[in-house]
Amino acid sequence: MTALDRLTIYSVLCFVSFCALVLRSPAESSSFMPLLGMGATVIGIWLEMHRWPSASEQEDGQ
């Protein structure tokens, strides 16, 4: 898997978590799972962008 593939997966998961957060009913307001999902995907995107910058430079150079 390339870095772009992983970023795409993280972005889709973040979108799904955001939709679950926005579209939940008021009775489910005590559930923190969508917030945890968004937090996990944001951390994953951040790690992907900052931890392996040399991998993206090598892909751009080819």
Protein backbone atom coordinates (compact mmCIF):
# COMPACT_ATOMS: atom_id res chain seq x y z
CA MET A 1 0.00 0.00 0.00
CA THR A 2 1.26 3.43 -0.84
CA ALA A 3 1.01 6.46 1.42
CA LEU A 4 -1.71 7.86 -0.82
CA ASP A 5 -3.76 4.68 -0.40
CA ARG A 6 -3.49 4.89 3.37
CA LEU A 7 -4.41 8.59 3.38
CA THR A 8 -7.46 7.83 1.25
CA ILE A 9 -8.59 5.14 3.68
CA TYR A 10 -8.10 7.47 6.66
CA SER A 11 -10.04 10.22 4.89
CA VAL A 12 -12.99 7.94 4.14
CA LEU A 13 -13.05 6.69 7.73
CA CYS A 14 -12.97 10.28 9.00
CA PHE A 15 -15.90 11.17 6.72
CA VAL A 16 -17.90 8.17 7.94
CA SER A 17 -17.21 9.10 11.58
CA PHE A 18 -18.23 12.69 10.91
CA CYS A 19 -21.49 11.56 9.30
CA ALA A 20 -22.21 9.27 12.25
CA LEU A 21 -21.57 12.19 14.60
CA VAL A 22 -23.83 14.61 12.72
CA LEU A 23 -26.65 12.20 11.89
CA ARG A 24 -27.09 10.56 15.29
CA SER A 25 -30.31 11.06 17.17
CA PRO A 26 -30.50 13.13 20.37
CA ALA A 27 -31.14 9.94 22.34
CA GLU A 28 -27.68 8.67 21.32
CA SER A 29 -25.87 11.81 22.43
CA SER A 30 -24.06 9.95 25.21
CA SER A 31 -22.16 7.77 22.73
CA PHE A 32 -18.60 8.91 22.15
CA MET A 33 -17.72 6.34 19.48
CA PRO A 34 -17.99 8.80 16.53
CA LEU A 35 -15.75 11.25 18.38
CA LEU A 36 -13.23 8.51 19.08
CA GLY A 37 -13.35 7.45 15.43
CA MET A 38 -12.72 10.98 14.22
CA GLY A 39 -9.89 11.43 16.68
CA ALA A 40 -8.26 8.17 15.63
CA THR A 41 -8.46 9.01 11.94
CA VAL A 42 -7.10 12.53 12.45
CA ILE A 43 -4.17 11.10 14.41
CA GLY A 44 -3.63 8.50 11.66
CA ILE A 45 -3.60 11.18 8.96
CA TRP A 46 -1.23 13.33 10.99
CA LEU A 47 1.14 10.41 11.56
CA GLU A 48 1.03 9.47 7.90
CA MET A 49 1.87 13.00 6.82
CA HIS A 50 4.61 13.73 9.37
CA ARG A 51 6.22 10.43 10.21
CA TRP A 52 7.17 9.27 6.73
CA PRO A 53 7.92 12.42 4.68
CA SER A 54 10.82 10.74 2.83
CA ALA A 55 8.50 8.09 1.36
CA SER A 56 6.33 10.72 -0.32
CA GLU A 57 9.40 12.50 -1.69
CA GLN A 58 10.66 9.26 -3.23
CA GLU A 59 7.28 8.61 -4.91
CA ASP A 60 7.21 12.13 -6.34
CA GLY A 61 10.70 11.77 -7.79
CA GLN A 62 9.96 8.61 -9.81
